[in-house]
């Protein structure tokens, strides 16, 4: 039971860091163009000669 004293704060800290990272990605427009990256992989724009 003594290990819970360490595990609960670590779990809360990691979840808080994950939440902050998610909001950072939302504010930096990381989720705006979801189709563009998928299409960029499938279609090659450069012509090879």
PDB file of N, CA and C in Angstrom:
ATOM      1  N   UNK A   1       0.816  -1.206   0.000  1.00  0.00           N
ATOM      2  CA  UNK A   1       0.000   0.000   0.000  1.00  0.00           C
ATOM      3  C   UNK A   1       0.857   1.268   0.000  1.00  0.00           C
ATOM      4  N   UNK A   2       2.091   1.140   0.447  1.00  0.00           N
ATOM      5  CA  UNK A   2       2.956   2.327   0.456  1.00  0.00           C
ATOM      6  C   UNK A   2       3.321   2.779  -0.956  1.00  0.00           C
ATOM      7  N   UNK A   3       3.285   1.844  -1.897  1.00  0.00           N
ATOM      8  CA  UNK A   3       3.644   2.192  -3.264  1.00  0.00           C
ATOM      9  C   UNK A   3       2.596   3.102  -3.896  1.00  0.00           C
ATOM     10  N   UNK A   4       1.362   3.056  -3.411  1.00  0.00           N
ATOM     11  CA  UNK A   4       0.315   3.928  -3.950  1.00  0.00           C
ATOM     12  C   UNK A   4       0.610   5.398  -3.686  1.00  0.00           C
ATOM     13  N   UNK A   5       1.352   5.669  -2.640  1.00  0.00           N
ATOM     14  CA  UNK A   5       1.732   7.052  -2.339  1.00  0.00           C
ATOM     15  C   UNK A   5       2.596   7.613  -3.465  1.00  0.00           C
ATOM     16  N   UNK A   6       3.345   6.752  -4.140  1.00  0.00           N
ATOM     17  CA  UNK A   6       4.184   7.190  -5.255  1.00  0.00           C
ATOM     18  C   UNK A   6       3.465   7.077  -6.594  1.00  0.00           C
ATOM     19  N   UNK A   7       2.679   6.037  -6.769  1.00  0.00           N
ATOM     20  CA  UNK A   7       2.069   5.789  -8.066  1.00  0.00           C
ATOM     21  C   UNK A   7       0.947   6.769  -8.404  1.00  0.00           C
ATOM     22  N   UNK A   8       0.154   7.141  -7.433  1.00  0.00           N
ATOM     23  CA  UNK A   8      -0.965   8.054  -7.717  1.00  0.00           C
ATOM     24  C   UNK A   8      -0.473   9.431  -8.153  1.00  0.00           C
ATOM     25  N   UNK A   9       0.479  10.060  -7.462  1.00  0.00           N
ATOM     26  CA  UNK A   9       0.973  11.354  -7.980  1.00  0.00           C
ATOM     27  C   UNK A   9       1.660  11.246  -9.337  1.00  0.00           C
ATOM     28  N   UNK A  10       2.378  10.136  -9.574  1.00  0.00           N
ATOM     29  CA  UNK A  10       3.027   9.962 -10.878  1.00  0.00           C
ATOM     30  C   UNK A  10       1.975   9.829 -11.976  1.00  0.00           C
ATOM     31  N   UNK A  11       0.919   9.076 -11.714  1.00  0.00           N
ATOM     32  CA  UNK A  11      -0.153   8.912 -12.701  1.00  0.00           C
ATOM     33  C   UNK A  11      -0.860  10.237 -12.956  1.00  0.00           C
ATOM     34  N   UNK A  12      -1.098  11.004 -11.918  1.00  0.00           N
ATOM     35  CA  UNK A  12      -1.737  12.311 -12.099  1.00  0.00           C
ATOM     36  C   UNK A  12      -0.841  13.274 -12.869  1.00  0.00           C
ATOM     37  N   UNK A  13       0.446  13.237 -12.582  1.00  0.00           N
ATOM     38  CA  UNK A  13       1.385  14.105 -13.291  1.00  0.00           C
ATOM     39  C   UNK A  13       1.454  13.740 -14.771  1.00  0.00           C
ATOM     40  N   UNK A  14       1.533  12.447 -15.080  1.00  0.00           N
ATOM     41  CA  UNK A  14       1.592  12.036 -16.481  1.00  0.00           C
ATOM     42  C   UNK A  14       0.307  12.361 -17.239  1.00  0.00           C
ATOM     43  N   UNK A  15      -0.836  12.206 -16.588  1.00  0.00           N
ATOM     44  CA  UNK A  15      -2.091  12.557 -17.253  1.00  0.00           C
ATOM     45  C   UNK A  15      -2.199  14.060 -17.461  1.00  0.00           C
ATOM     46  N   UNK A  16      -1.696  14.845 -16.522  1.00  0.00           N
ATOM     47  CA  UNK A  16      -1.704  16.297 -16.676  1.00  0.00           C
ATOM     48  C   UNK A  16      -0.789  16.718 -17.823  1.00  0.00           C
ATOM     49  N   UNK A  17       0.371  16.083 -17.947  1.00  0.00           N
ATOM     50  CA  UNK A  17       1.285  16.386 -19.054  1.00  0.00           C
ATOM     51  C   UNK A  17       0.650  16.015 -20.391  1.00  0.00           C
ATOM     52  N   UNK A  18      -0.056  14.888 -20.436  1.00  0.00           N
ATOM     53  CA  UNK A  18      -0.750  14.493 -21.661  1.00  0.00           C
ATOM     54  C   UNK A  18      -1.855  15.464 -22.035  1.00  0.00           C
ATOM     55  N   UNK A  19      -2.579  15.945 -21.054  1.00  0.00           N
ATOM     56  CA  UNK A  19      -3.653  16.909 -21.307  1.00  0.00           C
ATOM     57  C   UNK A  19      -3.092  18.237 -21.799  1.00  0.00           C
ATOM     58  N   UNK A  20      -2.017  18.685 -21.201  1.00  0.00           N
ATOM     59  CA  UNK A  20      -1.374  19.924 -21.645  1.00  0.00           C
ATOM     60  C   UNK A  20      -0.840  19.761 -23.070  1.00  0.00           C
ATOM     61  N   UNK A  21      -0.270  18.602 -23.382  1.00  0.00           N
ATOM     62  CA  UNK A  21       0.235  18.356 -24.737  1.00  0.00           C
ATOM     63  C   UNK A  21      -0.894  18.352 -25.756  1.00  0.00           C
ATOM     64  N   UNK A  22      -2.038  17.781 -25.395  1.00  0.00           N
ATOM     65  CA  UNK A  22      -3.184  17.763 -26.302  1.00  0.00           C
ATOM     66  C   UNK A  22      -3.688  19.169 -26.579  1.00  0.00           C
ATOM     67  N   UNK A  23      -3.803  19.999 -25.550  1.00  0.00           N
ATOM     68  CA  UNK A  23      -4.265  21.363 -25.762  1.00  0.00           C
ATOM     69  C   UNK A  23      -3.239  22.184 -26.549  1.00  0.00           C
ATOM     70  N   UNK A  24      -1.956  21.880 -26.381  1.00  0.00           N
ATOM     71  CA  UNK A  24      -0.937  22.569 -27.153  1.00  0.00           C
ATOM     72  C   UNK A  24      -1.079  22.245 -28.637  1.00  0.00           C
ATOM     73  N   UNK A  25      -1.346  20.973 -28.952  1.00  0.00           N
ATOM     74  CA  UNK A  25      -1.521  20.601 -30.355  1.00  0.00           C
ATOM     75  C   UNK A  25      -2.781  21.223 -30.940  1.00  0.00           C
ATOM     76  N   UNK A  26      -3.823  21.362 -30.127  1.00  0.00           N
ATOM     77  CA  UNK A  26      -5.034  22.031 -30.625  1.00  0.00           C
ATOM     78  C   UNK A  26      -4.765  23.494 -30.937  1.00  0.00           C
ATOM     79  N   UNK A  27      -4.021  24.168 -30.084  1.00  0.00           N
ATOM     80  CA  UNK A  27      -3.748  25.591 -30.296  1.00  0.00           C
ATOM     81  C   UNK A  27      -2.790  25.830 -31.452  1.00  0.00           C
ATOM     82  N   UNK A  28      -1.971  24.853 -31.799  1.00  0.00           N
ATOM     83  CA  UNK A  28      -1.015  25.016 -32.890  1.00  0.00           C
ATOM     84  C   UNK A  28      -1.518  24.412 -34.199  1.00  0.00           C
ATOM     85  N   UNK A  29      -2.818  24.175 -34.311  1.00  0.00           N
ATOM     86  CA  UNK A  29      -3.481  23.733 -35.547  1.00  0.00           C
ATOM     87  C   UNK A  29      -2.890  22.443 -36.104  1.00  0.00           C
ATOM     88  N   UNK A  30      -2.625  21.476 -35.262  1.00  0.00           N
ATOM     89  CA  UNK A  30      -2.075  20.203 -35.708  1.00  0.00           C
ATOM     90  C   UNK A  30      -3.135  19.312 -36.344  1.00  0.00           C
ATOM     91  N   UNK A  31      -4.407  19.558 -36.066  1.00  0.00           N
ATOM     92  CA  UNK A  31      -5.487  18.685 -36.539  1.00  0.00           C
ATOM     93  C   UNK A  31      -6.330  19.328 -37.640  1.00  0.00           C
ATOM     94  N   UNK A  32      -5.813  20.354 -38.299  1.00  0.00           N
ATOM     95  CA  UNK A  32      -6.611  21.053 -39.302  1.00  0.00           C
ATOM     96  C   UNK A  32      -6.743  20.280 -40.611  1.00  0.00           C
ATOM     97  N   UNK A  33      -5.660  19.760 -41.134  1.00  0.00           N
ATOM     98  CA  UNK A  33      -5.673  19.121 -42.446  1.00  0.00           C
ATOM     99  C   UNK A  33      -5.347  17.644 -42.307  1.00  0.00           C
ATOM    100  N   UNK A  34      -6.353  16.849 -41.985  1.00  0.00           N
ATOM    101  CA  UNK A  34      -6.126  15.422 -41.793  1.00  0.00           C
ATOM    102  C   UNK A  34      -6.045  14.674 -43.113  1.00  0.00           C
ATOM    103  N   UNK A  35      -6.701  15.146 -44.147  1.00  0.00           N
ATOM    104  CA  UNK A  35      -6.699  14.472 -45.442  1.00  0.00           C
ATOM    105  C   UNK A  35      -5.457  14.808 -46.262  1.00  0.00           C
ATOM    106  N   UNK A  36      -4.863  15.939 -46.041  1.00  0.00           N
ATOM    107  CA  UNK A  36      -3.719  16.359 -46.847  1.00  0.00           C
ATOM    108  C   UNK A  36      -2.535  15.435 -46.717  1.00  0.00           C
ATOM    109  N   UNK A  37      -2.217  15.024 -45.507  1.00  0.00           N
ATOM    110  CA  UNK A  37      -1.075  14.128 -45.315  1.00  0.00           C
ATOM    111  C   UNK A  37      -1.336  12.765 -45.930  1.00  0.00           C
ATOM    112  N   UNK A  38      -2.544  12.281 -45.822  1.00  0.00           N
ATOM    113  CA  UNK A  38      -2.870  10.976 -46.403  1.00  0.00           C
ATOM    114  C   UNK A  38      -2.761  11.033 -47.924  1.00  0.00           C
ATOM    115  N   UNK A  39      -3.220  12.091 -48.523  1.00  0.00           N
ATOM    116  CA  UNK A  39      -3.134  12.214 -49.978  1.00  0.00           C
ATOM    117  C   UNK A  39      -1.705  12.454 -50.442  1.00  0.00           C
ATOM    118  N   UNK A  40      -0.923  13.131 -49.653  1.00  0.00           N
ATOM    119  CA  UNK A  40       0.456  13.414 -50.017  1.00  0.00           C
ATOM    120  C   UNK A  40       1.273  12.126 -50.086  1.00  0.00           C
ATOM    121  N   UNK A  41       0.945  11.161 -49.256  1.00  0.00           N
ATOM    122  CA  UNK A  41       1.652   9.887 -49.281  1.00  0.00           C
ATOM    123  C   UNK A  41       1.286   9.095 -50.535  1.00  0.00           C
ATOM    124  N   UNK A  42       0.025   9.134 -50.925  1.00  0.00           N
ATOM    125  CA  UNK A  42      -0.451   8.306 -52.025  1.00  0.00           C
ATOM    126  C   UNK A  42      -0.049   8.833 -53.393  1.00  0.00           C
ATOM    127  N   UNK A  43      -0.009  10.145 -53.555  1.00  0.00           N
ATOM    128  CA  UNK A  43       0.232  10.733 -54.870  1.00  0.00           C
ATOM    129  C   UNK A  43       1.577  11.438 -54.886  1.00  0.00           C
ATOM    130  N   UNK A  44       2.403  11.060 -55.850  1.00  0.00           N
ATOM    131  CA  UNK A  44       3.717  11.647 -55.990  1.00  0.00           C
ATOM    132  C   UNK A  44       3.635  12.830 -56.948  1.00  0.00           C
ATOM    133  N   UNK A  45       4.052  14.017 -56.492  1.00  0.00           N
ATOM    134  CA  UNK A  45       3.972  15.210 -57.320  1.00  0.00           C
ATOM    135  C   UNK A  45       5.185  15.373 -58.236  1.00  0.00           C
ATOM    136  N   UNK A  46       6.308  14.785 -57.865  1.00  0.00           N
ATOM    137  CA  UNK A  46       7.514  14.961 -58.654  1.00  0.00           C
ATOM    138  C   UNK A  46       7.503  13.991 -59.847  1.00  0.00           C
ATOM    139  N   UNK A  47       7.932  14.506 -60.991  1.00  0.00           N
ATOM    140  CA  UNK A  47       8.026  13.660 -62.183  1.00  0.00           C
ATOM    141  C   UNK A  47       9.432  13.108 -62.277  1.00  0.00           C
ATOM    142  N   UNK A  48       9.529  11.817 -62.423  1.00  0.00           N
ATOM    143  CA  UNK A  48      10.840  11.196 -62.602  1.00  0.00           C
ATOM    144  C   UNK A  48      11.079  10.965 -64.091  1.00  0.00           C
ATOM    145  N   UNK A  49      12.273  11.268 -64.542  1.00  0.00           N
ATOM    146  CA  UNK A  49      12.591  11.137 -65.973  1.00  0.00           C
ATOM    147  C   UNK A  49      13.576  10.054 -66.213  1.00  0.00           C
TER     148      UNK A  49
END
